[in-house]
Amino acid sequence: MTFLWDSGDPPAPEPARRGTPVWSRRGLLQIALSCAGWLLLVPQIRRAQAPLVGGFYVGVSILLVAFLLVALVSITVILTACVQRSWGVAAVSLVLTVTAIVVATRQDSHGDYVDHQYRSHRAALAALAGEYRAGRLNGRLTLPPEVRSLSPSAYAYASRDVLFVQMWQNWRAESGTGLAYFTTPPTAQTVVATAEGDFGRPQREVGDGWWWVS
């Protein structure tokens, strides 16, 4: 027996949903969203190196939050493209995101950081060197506000041969690096105390008699 509701062909299966094309407006927007944030981190990295307010640790904290937000956006965009089977968008987003990460993190390389910090504090360091040459600095120093953001630890001293401002030290304060001012160029045998119990050697001159010591 054939019933009326049994007659006719069975419904055709729905066609598989197509992913978002790479060159569509939506695809390009997703790609831009996945990688643009990393490039926008570049000025934030600069601000973290020489923060306008709040000091070094506040600048680094803001940078860390921004980094996590940008990473979350990139991962979300790429995973969303995969769920939507937009494989082209996902692949291009991943490649451009990795490229943007390399470009952004390259701005924070060791040499760039030291040179940027020196340029940002050049006038204040010149004034400090002038005080040193005039013989008004000796022993442990209280850094002026203009130089304070350069040295989170505030470890600085002046001796007969060198004026030293620490830029970094480990959490136990037993190893450090920084900038040293010499009235005469240092030699290969020159040794500078860079922290309590640690010594470093001048690596290169950054300008106006100031040397990077590590």
N, C-alpha and C. Protein backbone atom coordinates (compact mmCIF):
# COMPACT_ATOMS: atom_id res chain seq x y z
N MET A 1 0.86 -1.20 0.00
CA MET A 1 0.00 0.00 0.00
C MET A 1 0.89 1.24 0.00
N THR A 2 0.53 2.16 -0.82
CA THR A 2 1.30 3.40 -0.93
C THR A 2 0.49 4.55 -0.38
N PHE A 3 1.08 5.27 0.53
CA PHE A 3 0.40 6.43 1.11
C PHE A 3 0.82 7.68 0.35
N LEU A 4 -0.05 8.69 0.42
CA LEU A 4 0.24 9.92 -0.32
C LEU A 4 1.52 10.58 0.17
N TRP A 5 1.70 10.48 1.48
CA TRP A 5 2.90 11.18 2.00
C TRP A 5 4.19 10.41 1.73
N ASP A 6 4.06 9.18 1.18
CA ASP A 6 5.25 8.42 0.81
C ASP A 6 5.65 8.64 -0.64
N SER A 7 4.81 9.28 -1.39
CA SER A 7 5.10 9.45 -2.80
C SER A 7 6.11 10.56 -3.03
N GLY A 8 6.77 10.51 -4.13
CA GLY A 8 7.73 11.55 -4.49
C GLY A 8 9.14 11.18 -4.07
N ASP A 9 10.10 11.93 -4.61
CA ASP A 9 11.51 11.67 -4.30
C ASP A 9 11.86 12.21 -2.92
N PRO A 10 12.82 11.59 -2.25
CA PRO A 10 13.26 12.12 -0.95
C PRO A 10 13.95 13.47 -1.15
N PRO A 11 13.89 14.35 -0.13
CA PRO A 11 14.50 15.67 -0.27
C PRO A 11 16.00 15.56 -0.50
N ALA A 12 16.48 16.40 -1.38
CA ALA A 12 17.92 16.40 -1.69
C ALA A 12 18.70 16.96 -0.51
N PRO A 13 19.87 16.40 -0.23
CA PRO A 13 20.69 16.94 0.87
C PRO A 13 21.14 18.36 0.57
N GLU A 14 21.24 19.16 1.65
CA GLU A 14 21.67 20.55 1.48
C GLU A 14 23.14 20.57 1.05
N PRO A 15 23.47 21.44 0.12
CA PRO A 15 24.88 21.54 -0.31
C PRO A 15 25.76 22.02 0.82
N ALA A 16 26.99 21.54 0.83
CA ALA A 16 27.93 21.96 1.86
C ALA A 16 28.16 23.47 1.79
N ARG A 17 28.20 24.07 2.97
CA ARG A 17 28.38 25.51 3.04
C ARG A 17 29.78 25.91 2.60
N ARG A 18 29.86 26.85 1.72
CA ARG A 18 31.16 27.31 1.23
C ARG A 18 31.77 28.28 2.22
N GLY A 19 33.10 28.21 2.34
CA GLY A 19 33.79 29.13 3.22
C GLY A 19 33.88 30.52 2.60
N THR A 20 34.35 31.45 3.41
CA THR A 20 34.50 32.83 2.95
C THR A 20 35.69 32.93 2.00
N PRO A 21 35.50 33.44 0.79
CA PRO A 21 36.63 33.60 -0.13
C PRO A 21 37.66 34.60 0.42
N VAL A 22 38.92 34.36 0.12
CA VAL A 22 39.99 35.23 0.62
C VAL A 22 39.81 36.66 0.15
N TRP A 23 39.45 36.84 -1.12
CA TRP A 23 39.40 38.19 -1.69
C TRP A 23 38.04 38.86 -1.51
N SER A 24 37.15 38.25 -0.77
CA SER A 24 35.88 38.92 -0.48
C SER A 24 36.11 39.99 0.59
N ARG A 25 35.13 40.88 0.73
CA ARG A 25 35.27 41.94 1.72
C ARG A 25 35.39 41.36 3.13
N ARG A 26 34.58 40.35 3.41
CA ARG A 26 34.63 39.74 4.73
C ARG A 26 35.95 39.00 4.96
N GLY A 27 36.44 38.32 3.93
CA GLY A 27 37.70 37.61 4.07
C GLY A 27 38.86 38.55 4.33
N LEU A 28 38.91 39.65 3.59
CA LEU A 28 39.99 40.62 3.78
C LEU A 28 39.90 41.27 5.16
N LEU A 29 38.67 41.51 5.64
CA LEU A 29 38.50 42.10 6.97
C LEU A 29 39.01 41.15 8.05
N GLN A 30 38.71 39.86 7.90
CA GLN A 30 39.19 38.88 8.87
C GLN A 30 40.71 38.80 8.87
N ILE A 31 41.29 38.81 7.69
CA ILE A 31 42.76 38.75 7.59
C ILE A 31 43.40 39.97 8.24
N ALA A 32 42.86 41.15 7.95
CA ALA A 32 43.41 42.37 8.54
C ALA A 32 43.27 42.36 10.05
N LEU A 33 42.14 41.88 10.54
CA LEU A 33 41.91 41.85 11.99
C LEU A 33 42.87 40.91 12.69
N SER A 34 43.25 39.83 12.02
CA SER A 34 44.12 38.84 12.66
C SER A 34 45.55 39.32 12.84
N CYS A 35 46.02 40.21 11.97
CA CYS A 35 47.44 40.59 12.03
C CYS A 35 47.69 42.06 12.33
N ALA A 36 46.69 42.93 12.16
CA ALA A 36 46.92 44.36 12.34
C ALA A 36 47.29 44.70 13.78
N GLY A 37 46.71 43.98 14.74
CA GLY A 37 46.98 44.28 16.14
C GLY A 37 48.45 44.16 16.51
N TRP A 38 49.14 43.19 15.87
CA TRP A 38 50.57 43.02 16.19
C TRP A 38 51.38 44.22 15.74
N LEU A 39 51.04 44.79 14.59
CA LEU A 39 51.76 45.98 14.13
C LEU A 39 51.44 47.18 15.00
N LEU A 40 50.21 47.23 15.53
CA LEU A 40 49.85 48.33 16.42
C LEU A 40 50.57 48.23 17.76
N LEU A 41 51.16 47.07 18.05
CA LEU A 41 51.94 46.92 19.29
C LEU A 41 53.27 47.65 19.23
N VAL A 42 53.76 47.96 18.03
CA VAL A 42 55.09 48.58 17.90
C VAL A 42 55.18 49.87 18.70
N PRO A 43 54.25 50.85 18.53
CA PRO A 43 54.36 52.05 19.37
C PRO A 43 54.18 51.77 20.85
N GLN A 44 53.40 50.75 21.19
CA GLN A 44 53.24 50.40 22.59
C GLN A 44 54.53 49.85 23.18
N ILE A 45 55.28 49.12 22.37
CA ILE A 45 56.58 48.62 22.81
C ILE A 45 57.52 49.78 23.11
N ARG A 46 57.49 50.80 22.25
CA ARG A 46 58.31 51.98 22.49
C ARG A 46 57.91 52.67 23.78
N ARG A 47 56.61 52.79 24.03
CA ARG A 47 56.15 53.44 25.25
C ARG A 47 56.55 52.64 26.49
N ALA A 48 56.55 51.34 26.37
CA ALA A 48 56.94 50.51 27.51
C ALA A 48 58.41 50.69 27.84
N GLN A 49 59.23 50.94 26.82
CA GLN A 49 60.66 51.13 27.05
C GLN A 49 60.94 52.47 27.72
N ALA A 50 60.14 53.48 27.45
CA ALA A 50 60.31 54.79 28.06
C ALA A 50 58.94 55.35 28.38
N PRO A 51 58.26 54.83 29.42
CA PRO A 51 56.89 55.23 29.71
C PRO A 51 56.80 56.68 30.12
N LEU A 52 55.71 57.33 29.71
CA LEU A 52 55.49 58.72 30.07
C LEU A 52 55.07 58.86 31.52
N VAL A 53 54.26 57.94 32.01
CA VAL A 53 53.78 57.98 33.38
C VAL A 53 53.85 56.58 33.97
N GLY A 54 53.97 56.53 35.30
CA GLY A 54 53.86 55.25 35.99
C GLY A 54 55.13 54.44 36.09
N GLY A 55 56.18 54.77 35.35
CA GLY A 55 57.42 54.03 35.46
C GLY A 55 57.49 52.81 34.57
N PHE A 56 58.63 52.16 34.66
CA PHE A 56 58.94 51.03 33.76
C PHE A 56 57.96 49.88 33.93
N TYR A 57 57.67 49.50 35.17
CA TYR A 57 56.83 48.32 35.40
C TYR A 57 55.40 48.53 34.94
N VAL A 58 54.89 49.75 35.08
CA VAL A 58 53.55 50.04 34.57
C VAL A 58 53.54 49.91 33.05
N GLY A 59 54.58 50.42 32.39
CA GLY A 59 54.67 50.31 30.94
C GLY A 59 54.70 48.86 30.47
N VAL A 60 55.49 48.04 31.17
CA VAL A 60 55.57 46.62 30.81
C VAL A 60 54.25 45.91 31.07
N SER A 61 53.56 46.27 32.15
CA SER A 61 52.26 45.65 32.45
C SER A 61 51.24 45.97 31.37
N ILE A 62 51.21 47.22 30.93
CA ILE A 62 50.29 47.61 29.86
C ILE A 62 50.62 46.86 28.58
N LEU A 63 51.92 46.72 28.28
CA LEU A 63 52.34 45.99 27.09
C LEU A 63 51.91 44.53 27.16
N LEU A 64 52.03 43.91 28.34
CA LEU A 64 51.64 42.51 28.50
C LEU A 64 50.14 42.33 28.26
N VAL A 65 49.33 43.24 28.82
CA VAL A 65 47.88 43.15 28.61
C VAL A 65 47.54 43.31 27.13
N ALA A 66 48.19 44.29 26.49
CA ALA A 66 47.95 44.50 25.05
C ALA A 66 48.36 43.28 24.24
N PHE A 67 49.48 42.67 24.60
CA PHE A 67 49.95 41.47 23.90
C PHE A 67 48.93 40.33 24.02
N LEU A 68 48.39 40.13 25.21
CA LEU A 68 47.42 39.05 25.41
C LEU A 68 46.14 39.31 24.63
N LEU A 69 45.69 40.56 24.60
CA LEU A 69 44.47 40.89 23.85
C LEU A 69 44.66 40.66 22.35
N VAL A 70 45.80 41.11 21.83
CA VAL A 70 46.07 40.94 20.41
C VAL A 70 46.17 39.45 20.06
N ALA A 71 46.86 38.69 20.92
CA ALA A 71 46.97 37.24 20.68
C ALA A 71 45.59 36.58 20.70
N LEU A 72 44.73 36.99 21.61
CA LEU A 72 43.38 36.42 21.70
C LEU A 72 42.58 36.71 20.43
N VAL A 73 42.68 37.94 19.93
CA VAL A 73 41.96 38.31 18.71
C VAL A 73 42.46 37.48 17.52
N SER A 74 43.78 37.35 17.38
CA SER A 74 44.34 36.59 16.26
C SER A 74 43.91 35.13 16.30
N ILE A 75 44.00 34.52 17.48
CA ILE A 75 43.62 33.11 17.60
C ILE A 75 42.14 32.92 17.31
N THR A 76 41.31 33.85 17.81
CA THR A 76 39.87 33.74 17.58
C THR A 76 39.53 33.84 16.09
N VAL A 77 40.16 34.78 15.39
CA VAL A 77 39.89 34.95 13.96
C VAL A 77 40.29 33.70 13.18
N ILE A 78 41.47 33.15 13.47
CA ILE A 78 41.95 31.97 12.74
C ILE A 78 41.08 30.75 13.03
N LEU A 79 40.71 30.55 14.29
CA LEU A 79 39.85 29.41 14.63
C LEU A 79 38.46 29.55 14.02
N THR A 80 37.94 30.78 14.01
CA THR A 80 36.63 31.01 13.40
C THR A 80 36.66 30.68 11.91
N ALA A 81 37.74 31.09 11.23
CA ALA A 81 37.88 30.78 9.81
C ALA A 81 37.94 29.27 9.58
N CYS A 82 38.60 28.54 10.48
CA CYS A 82 38.66 27.08 10.34
C CYS A 82 37.29 26.45 10.53
N VAL A 83 36.54 26.91 11.53
CA VAL A 83 35.21 26.37 11.78
C VAL A 83 34.30 26.61 10.58
N GLN A 84 34.46 27.77 9.94
CA GLN A 84 33.64 28.11 8.77
C GLN A 84 34.17 27.48 7.48
N ARG A 85 35.21 26.67 7.61
CA ARG A 85 35.86 26.04 6.46
C ARG A 85 36.41 27.06 5.47
N SER A 86 36.78 28.21 5.99
CA SER A 86 37.42 29.24 5.15
C SER A 86 38.93 29.01 5.23
N TRP A 87 39.36 27.93 4.59
CA TRP A 87 40.76 27.52 4.73
C TRP A 87 41.73 28.54 4.17
N GLY A 88 41.36 29.19 3.08
CA GLY A 88 42.24 30.21 2.52
C GLY A 88 42.42 31.38 3.46
N VAL A 89 41.32 31.85 4.06
CA VAL A 89 41.40 32.95 5.02
C VAL A 89 42.24 32.54 6.23
N ALA A 90 42.05 31.31 6.72
CA ALA A 90 42.81 30.84 7.87
C ALA A 90 44.30 30.77 7.57
N ALA A 91 44.65 30.24 6.38
CA ALA A 91 46.07 30.10 6.02
C ALA A 91 46.74 31.45 5.85
N VAL A 92 46.08 32.36 5.11
CA VAL A 92 46.67 33.69 4.90
C VAL A 92 46.77 34.44 6.22
N SER A 93 45.75 34.33 7.07
CA SER A 93 45.78 34.99 8.38
C SER A 93 46.93 34.48 9.22
N LEU A 94 47.15 33.16 9.20
CA LEU A 94 48.23 32.58 9.99
C LEU A 94 49.59 33.07 9.52
N VAL A 95 49.81 33.07 8.20
CA VAL A 95 51.10 33.50 7.65
C VAL A 95 51.35 34.97 7.97
N LEU A 96 50.36 35.82 7.74
CA LEU A 96 50.54 37.25 8.00
C LEU A 96 50.66 37.54 9.49
N THR A 97 49.98 36.77 10.32
CA THR A 97 50.09 36.97 11.76
C THR A 97 51.50 36.65 12.24
N VAL A 98 52.06 35.54 11.76
CA VAL A 98 53.44 35.19 12.14
C VAL A 98 54.41 36.27 11.67
N THR A 99 54.22 36.77 10.44
CA THR A 99 55.07 37.85 9.93
C THR A 99 54.95 39.10 10.78
N ALA A 100 53.73 39.46 11.16
CA ALA A 100 53.51 40.65 11.98
C ALA A 100 54.13 40.49 13.36
N ILE A 101 54.08 39.27 13.92
CA ILE A 101 54.71 39.03 15.22
C ILE A 101 56.22 39.24 15.14
N VAL A 102 56.83 38.73 14.07
CA VAL A 102 58.27 38.90 13.88
C VAL A 102 58.63 40.38 13.78
N VAL A 103 57.86 41.13 12.99
CA VAL A 103 58.12 42.57 12.83
C VAL A 103 57.96 43.30 14.16
N ALA A 104 56.90 42.97 14.90
CA ALA A 104 56.64 43.66 16.17
C ALA A 104 57.71 43.36 17.21
N THR A 105 58.06 42.08 17.37
CA THR A 105 59.04 41.72 18.38
C THR A 105 60.44 42.16 18.00
N ARG A 106 60.70 42.33 16.71
CA ARG A 106 62.02 42.82 16.28
C ARG A 106 62.27 44.21 16.82
N GLN A 107 61.22 44.99 17.08
CA GLN A 107 61.39 46.33 17.60
C GLN A 107 61.94 46.33 19.02
N ASP A 108 61.86 45.18 19.69
CA ASP A 108 62.30 45.11 21.07
C ASP A 108 63.62 44.37 21.20
N SER A 109 64.41 44.34 20.14
CA SER A 109 65.69 43.65 20.21
C SER A 109 66.62 44.37 21.16
N HIS A 110 67.64 43.66 21.61
CA HIS A 110 68.52 44.17 22.65
C HIS A 110 69.18 45.48 22.26
N GLY A 111 69.76 45.53 21.07
CA GLY A 111 70.44 46.74 20.64
C GLY A 111 69.50 47.91 20.47
N ASP A 112 68.34 47.67 19.88
CA ASP A 112 67.36 48.73 19.71
C ASP A 112 66.92 49.29 21.05
N TYR A 113 66.75 48.40 22.03
CA TYR A 113 66.29 48.83 23.35
C TYR A 113 67.29 49.78 23.99
N VAL A 114 68.55 49.41 23.99
CA VAL A 114 69.58 50.24 24.62
C VAL A 114 69.69 51.58 23.92
N ASP A 115 69.75 51.57 22.59
CA ASP A 115 69.87 52.82 21.84
C ASP A 115 68.65 53.71 22.04
N HIS A 116 67.47 53.10 22.07
CA HIS A 116 66.25 53.88 22.27
C HIS A 116 66.23 54.52 23.65
N GLN A 117 66.62 53.76 24.67
CA GLN A 117 66.65 54.31 26.02
C GLN A 117 67.66 55.44 26.12
N TYR A 118 68.81 55.28 25.48
CA TYR A 118 69.81 56.34 25.53
C TYR A 118 69.29 57.60 24.86
N ARG A 119 68.71 57.46 23.67
CA ARG A 119 68.19 58.64 22.98
C ARG A 119 67.08 59.31 23.78
N SER A 120 66.25 58.51 24.42
CA SER A 120 65.13 59.08 25.18
C SER A 120 65.61 59.86 26.41
N HIS A 121 66.75 59.49 26.95
CA HIS A 121 67.26 60.13 28.17
C HIS A 121 68.56 60.89 27.91
N ARG A 122 68.82 61.20 26.67
CA ARG A 122 70.13 61.77 26.32
C ARG A 122 70.41 63.08 27.05
N ALA A 123 69.44 63.99 27.08
CA ALA A 123 69.66 65.28 27.73
C ALA A 123 69.90 65.11 29.22
N ALA A 124 69.12 64.25 29.86
CA ALA A 124 69.27 64.03 31.30
C ALA A 124 70.61 63.35 31.61
N LEU A 125 71.02 62.41 30.77
CA LEU A 125 72.31 61.75 30.98
C LEU A 125 73.47 62.72 30.76
N ALA A 126 73.32 63.63 29.80
CA ALA A 126 74.36 64.64 29.57
C ALA A 126 74.50 65.54 30.79
N ALA A 127 73.37 65.92 31.39
CA ALA A 127 73.43 66.75 32.59
C ALA A 127 74.08 66.00 33.75
N LEU A 128 73.76 64.71 33.87
CA LEU A 128 74.36 63.89 34.92
C LEU A 128 75.86 63.76 34.71
N ALA A 129 76.28 63.57 33.46
CA ALA A 129 77.72 63.49 33.16
C ALA A 129 78.42 64.80 33.47
N GLY A 130 77.74 65.93 33.21
CA GLY A 130 78.32 67.23 33.53
C GLY A 130 78.56 67.39 35.02
N GLU A 131 77.60 66.94 35.84
CA GLU A 131 77.78 66.97 37.29
C GLU A 131 78.96 66.09 37.71
N TYR A 132 79.10 64.96 37.04
CA TYR A 132 80.20 64.05 37.37
C TYR A 132 81.55 64.67 37.03
N ARG A 133 81.64 65.28 35.85
CA ARG A 133 82.91 65.91 35.46
C ARG A 133 83.26 67.06 36.39
N ALA A 134 82.25 67.73 36.92
CA ALA A 134 82.50 68.85 37.83
C ALA A 134 82.88 68.38 39.23
N GLY A 135 82.87 67.08 39.46
CA GLY A 135 83.28 66.54 40.75
C GLY A 135 82.21 66.61 41.82
N ARG A 136 80.95 66.78 41.42
CA ARG A 136 79.87 66.91 42.41
C ARG A 136 79.16 65.58 42.70
N LEU A 137 79.61 64.49 42.07
CA LEU A 137 78.98 63.19 42.29
C LEU A 137 80.01 62.21 42.83
N ASN A 138 79.63 61.47 43.87
CA ASN A 138 80.54 60.47 44.43
C ASN A 138 79.73 59.44 45.22
N GLY A 139 80.09 58.18 45.09
CA GLY A 139 79.41 57.13 45.83
C GLY A 139 78.04 56.80 45.24
N ARG A 140 77.16 56.21 46.07
CA ARG A 140 75.82 55.87 45.63
C ARG A 140 75.03 57.15 45.35
N LEU A 141 74.24 57.12 44.28
CA LEU A 141 73.55 58.32 43.81
C LEU A 141 72.04 58.18 43.96
N THR A 142 71.41 59.32 44.18
CA THR A 142 69.95 59.43 44.06
C THR A 142 69.68 60.04 42.69
N LEU A 143 69.11 59.25 41.81
CA LEU A 143 68.93 59.70 40.43
C LEU A 143 67.86 60.77 40.34
N PRO A 144 68.07 61.77 39.49
CA PRO A 144 67.02 62.78 39.26
C PRO A 144 65.83 62.16 38.55
N PRO A 145 64.66 62.78 38.65
CA PRO A 145 63.45 62.21 38.03
C PRO A 145 63.60 61.94 36.53
N GLU A 146 64.39 62.76 35.84
CA GLU A 146 64.54 62.60 34.40
C GLU A 146 65.26 61.30 34.04
N VAL A 147 66.03 60.75 34.97
CA VAL A 147 66.78 59.52 34.71
C VAL A 147 66.14 58.33 35.42
N ARG A 148 65.24 58.61 36.34
CA ARG A 148 64.68 57.54 37.18
C ARG A 148 63.98 56.45 36.36
N SER A 149 63.28 56.82 35.29
CA SER A 149 62.59 55.80 34.49
C SER A 149 63.56 54.91 33.72
N LEU A 150 64.80 55.35 33.58
CA LEU A 150 65.81 54.53 32.91
C LEU A 150 66.28 53.38 33.80
N SER A 151 66.20 53.59 35.12
CA SER A 151 66.74 52.62 36.07
C SER A 151 65.66 52.21 37.07
N PRO A 152 64.92 51.14 36.80
CA PRO A 152 63.87 50.70 37.73
C PRO A 152 64.40 50.40 39.13
N SER A 153 65.64 49.91 39.22
CA SER A 153 66.22 49.57 40.52
C SER A 153 66.80 50.78 41.24
N ALA A 154 67.03 51.88 40.51
CA ALA A 154 67.65 53.10 41.05
C ALA A 154 69.08 52.85 41.53
N TYR A 155 69.71 51.78 41.03
CA TYR A 155 71.09 51.49 41.40
C TYR A 155 72.01 52.32 40.51
N ALA A 156 72.75 53.24 41.12
CA ALA A 156 73.68 54.09 40.38
C ALA A 156 74.76 54.58 41.34
N TYR A 157 75.94 54.78 40.80
CA TYR A 157 77.04 55.26 41.64
C TYR A 157 78.05 55.99 40.78
N ALA A 158 78.88 56.77 41.45
CA ALA A 158 79.99 57.47 40.79
C ALA A 158 81.27 57.15 41.54
N SER A 159 82.30 56.77 40.81
CA SER A 159 83.61 56.54 41.39
C SER A 159 84.62 57.42 40.67
N ARG A 160 85.87 57.24 41.00
CA ARG A 160 86.89 58.07 40.37
C ARG A 160 86.98 57.82 38.87
N ASP A 161 86.68 56.60 38.43
CA ASP A 161 86.88 56.24 37.02
C ASP A 161 85.60 56.15 36.20
N VAL A 162 84.46 55.99 36.84
CA VAL A 162 83.25 55.71 36.08
C VAL A 162 82.01 56.22 36.79
N LEU A 163 81.02 56.60 35.99
CA LEU A 163 79.67 56.92 36.46
C LEU A 163 78.75 55.86 35.87
N PHE A 164 78.07 55.11 36.72
CA PHE A 164 77.27 53.97 36.25
C PHE A 164 75.81 54.12 36.64
N VAL A 165 74.92 53.82 35.67
CA VAL A 165 73.47 53.80 35.90
C VAL A 165 72.96 52.44 35.46
N GLN A 166 72.44 51.68 36.40
CA GLN A 166 71.95 50.34 36.09
C GLN A 166 70.60 50.42 35.36
N MET A 167 70.45 49.63 34.30
CA MET A 167 69.19 49.56 33.55
C MET A 167 68.41 48.29 33.85
N TRP A 168 69.10 47.23 34.22
CA TRP A 168 68.43 45.95 34.49
C TRP A 168 69.21 45.19 35.53
N GLN A 169 68.47 44.43 36.38
CA GLN A 169 69.09 43.48 37.28
C GLN A 169 68.15 42.30 37.48
N ASN A 170 68.70 41.15 37.85
CA ASN A 170 67.84 39.99 38.06
C ASN A 170 67.09 40.12 39.38
N TRP A 171 66.17 39.19 39.63
CA TRP A 171 65.27 39.34 40.78
C TRP A 171 65.99 39.25 42.11
N ARG A 172 67.19 38.67 42.11
CA ARG A 172 67.97 38.61 43.35
C ARG A 172 68.94 39.77 43.48
N ALA A 173 68.92 40.68 42.51
CA ALA A 173 69.76 41.88 42.53
C ALA A 173 71.25 41.52 42.61
N GLU A 174 71.63 40.41 41.99
CA GLU A 174 73.03 40.00 42.02
C GLU A 174 73.68 40.03 40.64
N SER A 175 72.93 40.40 39.61
CA SER A 175 73.46 40.51 38.25
C SER A 175 72.76 41.67 37.56
N GLY A 176 73.54 42.49 36.85
CA GLY A 176 72.93 43.66 36.22
C GLY A 176 73.67 44.12 34.98
N THR A 177 73.04 45.02 34.26
CA THR A 177 73.62 45.67 33.09
C THR A 177 73.20 47.14 33.12
N GLY A 178 73.88 47.96 32.34
CA GLY A 178 73.50 49.37 32.34
C GLY A 178 74.42 50.23 31.49
N LEU A 179 74.34 51.54 31.72
CA LEU A 179 75.14 52.52 31.00
C LEU A 179 76.20 53.10 31.92
N ALA A 180 77.41 53.22 31.39
CA ALA A 180 78.52 53.77 32.16
C ALA A 180 79.14 54.93 31.40
N TYR A 181 79.48 55.98 32.13
CA TYR A 181 80.11 57.15 31.53
C TYR A 181 81.59 57.17 31.91
N PHE A 182 82.43 57.34 30.90
CA PHE A 182 83.88 57.41 31.11
C PHE A 182 84.39 58.74 30.58
N THR A 183 85.25 59.39 31.35
CA THR A 183 85.87 60.62 30.85
C THR A 183 86.96 60.31 29.83
N THR A 184 87.55 59.12 29.95
CA THR A 184 88.50 58.64 28.94
C THR A 184 88.01 57.28 28.45
N PRO A 185 88.21 56.96 27.18
CA PRO A 185 87.69 55.70 26.64
C PRO A 185 88.19 54.49 27.43
N PRO A 186 87.33 53.53 27.72
CA PRO A 186 87.74 52.32 28.44
C PRO A 186 88.60 51.42 27.57
N THR A 187 89.32 50.53 28.22
CA THR A 187 90.16 49.58 27.51
C THR A 187 89.55 48.18 27.63
N ALA A 188 90.21 47.21 27.01
CA ALA A 188 89.72 45.83 27.08
C ALA A 188 89.80 45.28 28.50
N GLN A 189 90.62 45.89 29.36
CA GLN A 189 90.76 45.43 30.73
C GLN A 189 89.81 46.13 31.70
N THR A 190 89.05 47.09 31.22
CA THR A 190 88.15 47.86 32.10
C THR A 190 87.02 46.97 32.62
N VAL A 191 86.81 47.01 33.92
CA VAL A 191 85.75 46.25 34.57
C VAL A 191 84.90 47.21 35.39
N VAL A 192 83.57 47.04 35.31
CA VAL A 192 82.63 47.92 35.99
C VAL A 192 81.71 47.09 36.87
N ALA A 193 81.50 47.53 38.11
CA ALA A 193 80.54 46.87 38.99
C ALA A 193 79.13 47.21 38.50
N THR A 194 78.39 46.20 38.08
CA THR A 194 77.05 46.42 37.51
C THR A 194 75.93 46.06 38.47
N ALA A 195 76.26 45.42 39.60
CA ALA A 195 75.29 45.08 40.64
C ALA A 195 76.10 44.68 41.87
N GLU A 196 75.40 44.43 42.98
CA GLU A 196 76.10 43.99 44.17
C GLU A 196 76.69 42.60 43.92
N GLY A 197 78.02 42.54 43.77
CA GLY A 197 78.67 41.27 43.53
C GLY A 197 78.81 40.87 42.08
N ASP A 198 78.44 41.75 41.14
CA ASP A 198 78.53 41.41 39.72
C ASP A 198 79.35 42.47 39.00
N PHE A 199 80.07 42.04 37.98
CA PHE A 199 80.91 42.96 37.20
C PHE A 199 80.67 42.72 35.72
N GLY A 200 80.82 43.77 34.94
CA GLY A 200 80.67 43.68 33.50
C GLY A 200 81.75 44.47 32.80
N ARG A 201 81.77 44.34 31.49
CA ARG A 201 82.75 45.06 30.68
C ARG A 201 82.03 45.94 29.65
N PRO A 202 82.62 47.07 29.31
CA PRO A 202 82.03 47.92 28.27
C PRO A 202 81.95 47.17 26.94
N GLN A 203 80.77 47.16 26.33
CA GLN A 203 80.55 46.45 25.08
C GLN A 203 80.65 47.36 23.87
N ARG A 204 80.05 48.54 23.94
CA ARG A 204 80.09 49.48 22.82
C ARG A 204 79.66 50.86 23.32
N GLU A 205 80.13 51.89 22.63
CA GLU A 205 79.74 53.26 22.98
C GLU A 205 78.40 53.59 22.35
N VAL A 206 77.50 54.14 23.13
CA VAL A 206 76.20 54.54 22.60
C VAL A 206 76.15 56.03 22.29
N GLY A 207 77.10 56.81 22.83
CA GLY A 207 77.17 58.23 22.49
C GLY A 207 77.62 59.10 23.65
N ASP A 208 78.37 60.15 23.33
CA ASP A 208 78.75 61.19 24.29
C ASP A 208 79.48 60.63 25.51
N GLY A 209 80.30 59.62 25.32
CA GLY A 209 81.06 59.06 26.43
C GLY A 209 80.34 57.99 27.22
N TRP A 210 79.09 57.70 26.88
CA TRP A 210 78.33 56.66 27.57
C TRP A 210 78.50 55.33 26.84
N TRP A 211 78.72 54.27 27.61
CA TRP A 211 78.94 52.93 27.06
C TRP A 211 77.93 51.95 27.64
N TRP A 212 77.56 50.98 26.80
CA TRP A 212 76.72 49.88 27.27
C TRP A 212 77.61 48.85 27.94
N VAL A 213 77.28 48.50 29.18
CA VAL A 213 78.09 47.58 29.98
C VAL A 213 77.26 46.36 30.35
N SER A 214 77.81 45.19 30.11
CA SER A 214 77.12 43.95 30.50
C SER A 214 78.15 42.87 30.82
